[in-house]
């Protein structure tokens, strides 16, 4: 399984709330529909304007397919709505899930 995380640091609280609403109402579901197994948004404690969208993909091939076929369109939509000029900094990480322990 592949973990893909997008970290967003948002300078303005109003913009942060708008971003969270977009994630809840549209973008998270769009990434799952585009190939992720699941997605979750985490608002970091002590940092109300720092959030991470975390996605799990079944394998490297599924993630690469997403990156190649779906991500450009979804990222363009996000950057149109929330460009860096609105005080947002993005960072991305990708890694292999070593273990998951669920109830």
C-alpha atoms as a PDB file:
ATOM      1  CA  UNK A   1       0.000   0.000   0.000  1.00  0.00           C
ATOM      2  CA  UNK A   2       1.157   3.538  -0.766  1.00  0.00           C
ATOM      3  CA  UNK A   3       0.547   6.548   1.499  1.00  0.00           C
ATOM      4  CA  UNK A   4       0.302   9.948  -0.156  1.00  0.00           C
ATOM      5  CA  UNK A   5       0.105  13.051   2.037  1.00  0.00           C
ATOM      6  CA  UNK A   6      -0.512  16.647   0.998  1.00  0.00           C
ATOM      7  CA  UNK A   7       0.349  19.168   3.720  1.00  0.00           C
ATOM      8  CA  UNK A   8      -1.200  22.635   3.513  1.00  0.00           C
ATOM      9  CA  UNK A   9      -0.059  25.584   5.580  1.00  0.00           C
ATOM     10  CA  UNK A  10      -2.637  28.324   5.271  1.00  0.00           C
ATOM     11  CA  UNK A  11      -1.855  31.807   6.569  1.00  0.00           C
ATOM     12  CA  UNK A  12      -5.442  33.077   6.854  1.00  0.00           C
ATOM     13  CA  UNK A  13      -8.037  31.303   9.049  1.00  0.00           C
ATOM     14  CA  UNK A  14     -10.893  32.263   6.733  1.00  0.00           C
ATOM     15  CA  UNK A  15      -9.088  30.715   3.779  1.00  0.00           C
ATOM     16  CA  UNK A  16      -8.309  27.656   5.922  1.00  0.00           C
ATOM     17  CA  UNK A  17     -12.014  27.157   6.684  1.00  0.00           C
ATOM     18  CA  UNK A  18     -12.848  27.569   2.990  1.00  0.00           C
ATOM     19  CA  UNK A  19     -10.178  24.979   2.109  1.00  0.00           C
ATOM     20  CA  UNK A  20     -11.542  22.521   4.702  1.00  0.00           C
ATOM     21  CA  UNK A  21     -15.072  22.946   3.357  1.00  0.00           C
ATOM     22  CA  UNK A  22     -13.832  22.241  -0.176  1.00  0.00           C
ATOM     23  CA  UNK A  23     -12.030  19.135   1.048  1.00  0.00           C
ATOM     24  CA  UNK A  24     -15.128  17.887   2.909  1.00  0.00           C
ATOM     25  CA  UNK A  25     -17.536  18.645   0.095  1.00  0.00           C
ATOM     26  CA  UNK A  26     -15.605  17.797  -3.035  1.00  0.00           C
ATOM     27  CA  UNK A  27     -11.906  17.163  -3.275  1.00  0.00           C
ATOM     28  CA  UNK A  28     -11.416  14.267  -0.850  1.00  0.00           C
ATOM     29  CA  UNK A  29     -14.197  12.285  -2.547  1.00  0.00           C
ATOM     30  CA  UNK A  30     -12.776  13.151  -5.971  1.00  0.00           C
ATOM     31  CA  UNK A  31      -9.351  11.690  -5.084  1.00  0.00           C
ATOM     32  CA  UNK A  32     -10.981   8.525  -3.733  1.00  0.00           C
ATOM     33  CA  UNK A  33     -13.086   8.241  -6.896  1.00  0.00           C
ATOM     34  CA  UNK A  34      -9.895   8.721  -8.920  1.00  0.00           C
ATOM     35  CA  UNK A  35      -8.167   5.720  -7.348  1.00  0.00           C
ATOM     36  CA  UNK A  36      -7.347   6.156  -3.662  1.00  0.00           C
ATOM     37  CA  UNK A  37      -8.608   3.436  -1.322  1.00  0.00           C
ATOM     38  CA  UNK A  38      -9.390   6.017   1.352  1.00  0.00           C
ATOM     39  CA  UNK A  39      -8.713   9.593   2.304  1.00  0.00           C
ATOM     40  CA  UNK A  40      -8.728  11.566   5.527  1.00  0.00           C
ATOM     41  CA  UNK A  41      -8.117  15.214   6.375  1.00  0.00           C
ATOM     42  CA  UNK A  42      -6.334  16.034   9.631  1.00  0.00           C
ATOM     43  CA  UNK A  43      -6.230  19.503  11.161  1.00  0.00           C
ATOM     44  CA  UNK A  44      -3.071  19.499  13.263  1.00  0.00           C
ATOM     45  CA  UNK A  45      -3.341  20.259  16.984  1.00  0.00           C
ATOM     46  CA  UNK A  46      -1.871  23.576  17.980  1.00  0.00           C
ATOM     47  CA  UNK A  47      -1.717  24.657  14.356  1.00  0.00           C
ATOM     48  CA  UNK A  48      -5.268  25.528  13.281  1.00  0.00           C
ATOM     49  CA  UNK A  49      -4.158  26.580   9.834  1.00  0.00           C
ATOM     50  CA  UNK A  50      -2.051  23.492   9.078  1.00  0.00           C
ATOM     51  CA  UNK A  51      -3.861  20.508   7.604  1.00  0.00           C
ATOM     52  CA  UNK A  52      -2.877  17.263   5.968  1.00  0.00           C
ATOM     53  CA  UNK A  53      -4.866  15.284   3.433  1.00  0.00           C
ATOM     54  CA  UNK A  54      -3.761  11.661   3.712  1.00  0.00           C
ATOM     55  CA  UNK A  55      -4.616   9.094   1.057  1.00  0.00           C
ATOM     56  CA  UNK A  56      -3.952   5.368   0.783  1.00  0.00           C
ATOM     57  CA  UNK A  57      -3.557   3.622  -2.564  1.00  0.00           C
ATOM     58  CA  UNK A  58      -3.626  -0.157  -3.016  1.00  0.00           C
ATOM     59  CA  UNK A  59      -0.175  -0.263  -4.599  1.00  0.00           C
ATOM     60  CA  UNK A  60       2.452   1.750  -6.470  1.00  0.00           C
ATOM     61  CA  UNK A  61       0.744   1.082  -9.833  1.00  0.00           C
ATOM     62  CA  UNK A  62      -2.559   2.544  -8.563  1.00  0.00           C
ATOM     63  CA  UNK A  63      -0.760   5.616  -7.226  1.00  0.00           C
ATOM     64  CA  UNK A  64       1.211   6.102 -10.446  1.00  0.00           C
ATOM     65  CA  UNK A  65      -1.978   5.791 -12.487  1.00  0.00           C
ATOM     66  CA  UNK A  66      -3.571   8.447 -10.271  1.00  0.00           C
ATOM     67  CA  UNK A  67      -0.531  10.715 -10.652  1.00  0.00           C
ATOM     68  CA  UNK A  68      -0.489  10.316 -14.418  1.00  0.00           C
ATOM     69  CA  UNK A  69      -4.196  10.368 -15.273  1.00  0.00           C
ATOM     70  CA  UNK A  70      -6.084  12.190 -12.521  1.00  0.00           C
ATOM     71  CA  UNK A  71      -3.782  14.313 -10.378  1.00  0.00           C
ATOM     72  CA  UNK A  72      -3.045  17.015 -12.983  1.00  0.00           C
ATOM     73  CA  UNK A  73      -6.750  17.884 -13.306  1.00  0.00           C
ATOM     74  CA  UNK A  74      -7.427  17.731  -9.566  1.00  0.00           C
ATOM     75  CA  UNK A  75      -4.328  19.773  -8.693  1.00  0.00           C
ATOM     76  CA  UNK A  76      -5.237  22.404 -11.296  1.00  0.00           C
ATOM     77  CA  UNK A  77      -8.674  22.751  -9.742  1.00  0.00           C
ATOM     78  CA  UNK A  78      -7.125  23.124  -6.286  1.00  0.00           C
ATOM     79  CA  UNK A  79      -4.595  25.694  -7.454  1.00  0.00           C
ATOM     80  CA  UNK A  80      -7.317  27.688  -9.211  1.00  0.00           C
ATOM     81  CA  UNK A  81      -9.319  27.844  -5.984  1.00  0.00           C
ATOM     82  CA  UNK A  82      -6.381  28.104  -3.581  1.00  0.00           C
ATOM     83  CA  UNK A  83      -3.287  29.521  -5.310  1.00  0.00           C
ATOM     84  CA  UNK A  84      -0.139  30.372  -3.331  1.00  0.00           C
ATOM     85  CA  UNK A  85      -1.148  34.049  -3.627  1.00  0.00           C
ATOM     86  CA  UNK A  86      -3.928  33.311  -1.118  1.00  0.00           C
ATOM     87  CA  UNK A  87      -1.289  32.453   1.470  1.00  0.00           C
ATOM     88  CA  UNK A  88      -1.138  28.676   1.015  1.00  0.00           C
ATOM     89  CA  UNK A  89       2.004  26.555   0.965  1.00  0.00           C
ATOM     90  CA  UNK A  90       1.751  22.959  -0.230  1.00  0.00           C
ATOM     91  CA  UNK A  91       4.063  20.023   0.410  1.00  0.00           C
ATOM     92  CA  UNK A  92       3.710  16.404  -0.677  1.00  0.00           C
ATOM     93  CA  UNK A  93       5.164  13.119   0.540  1.00  0.00           C
ATOM     94  CA  UNK A  94       4.809   9.567  -0.756  1.00  0.00           C
ATOM     95  CA  UNK A  95       5.848   6.377   1.006  1.00  0.00           C
ATOM     96  CA  UNK A  96       5.238   2.677   1.436  1.00  0.00           C
ATOM     97  CA  UNK A  97       2.924   1.649   4.272  1.00  0.00           C
ATOM     98  CA  UNK A  98       4.903  -0.758   6.418  1.00  0.00           C
ATOM     99  CA  UNK A  99       2.070  -1.844   8.700  1.00  0.00           C
ATOM    100  CA  UNK A 100      -1.497  -0.957   9.636  1.00  0.00           C
ATOM    101  CA  UNK A 101      -3.145  -2.012  12.854  1.00  0.00           C
ATOM    102  CA  UNK A 102      -6.929  -1.607  12.910  1.00  0.00           C
ATOM    103  CA  UNK A 103      -9.582  -2.528  15.413  1.00  0.00           C
END
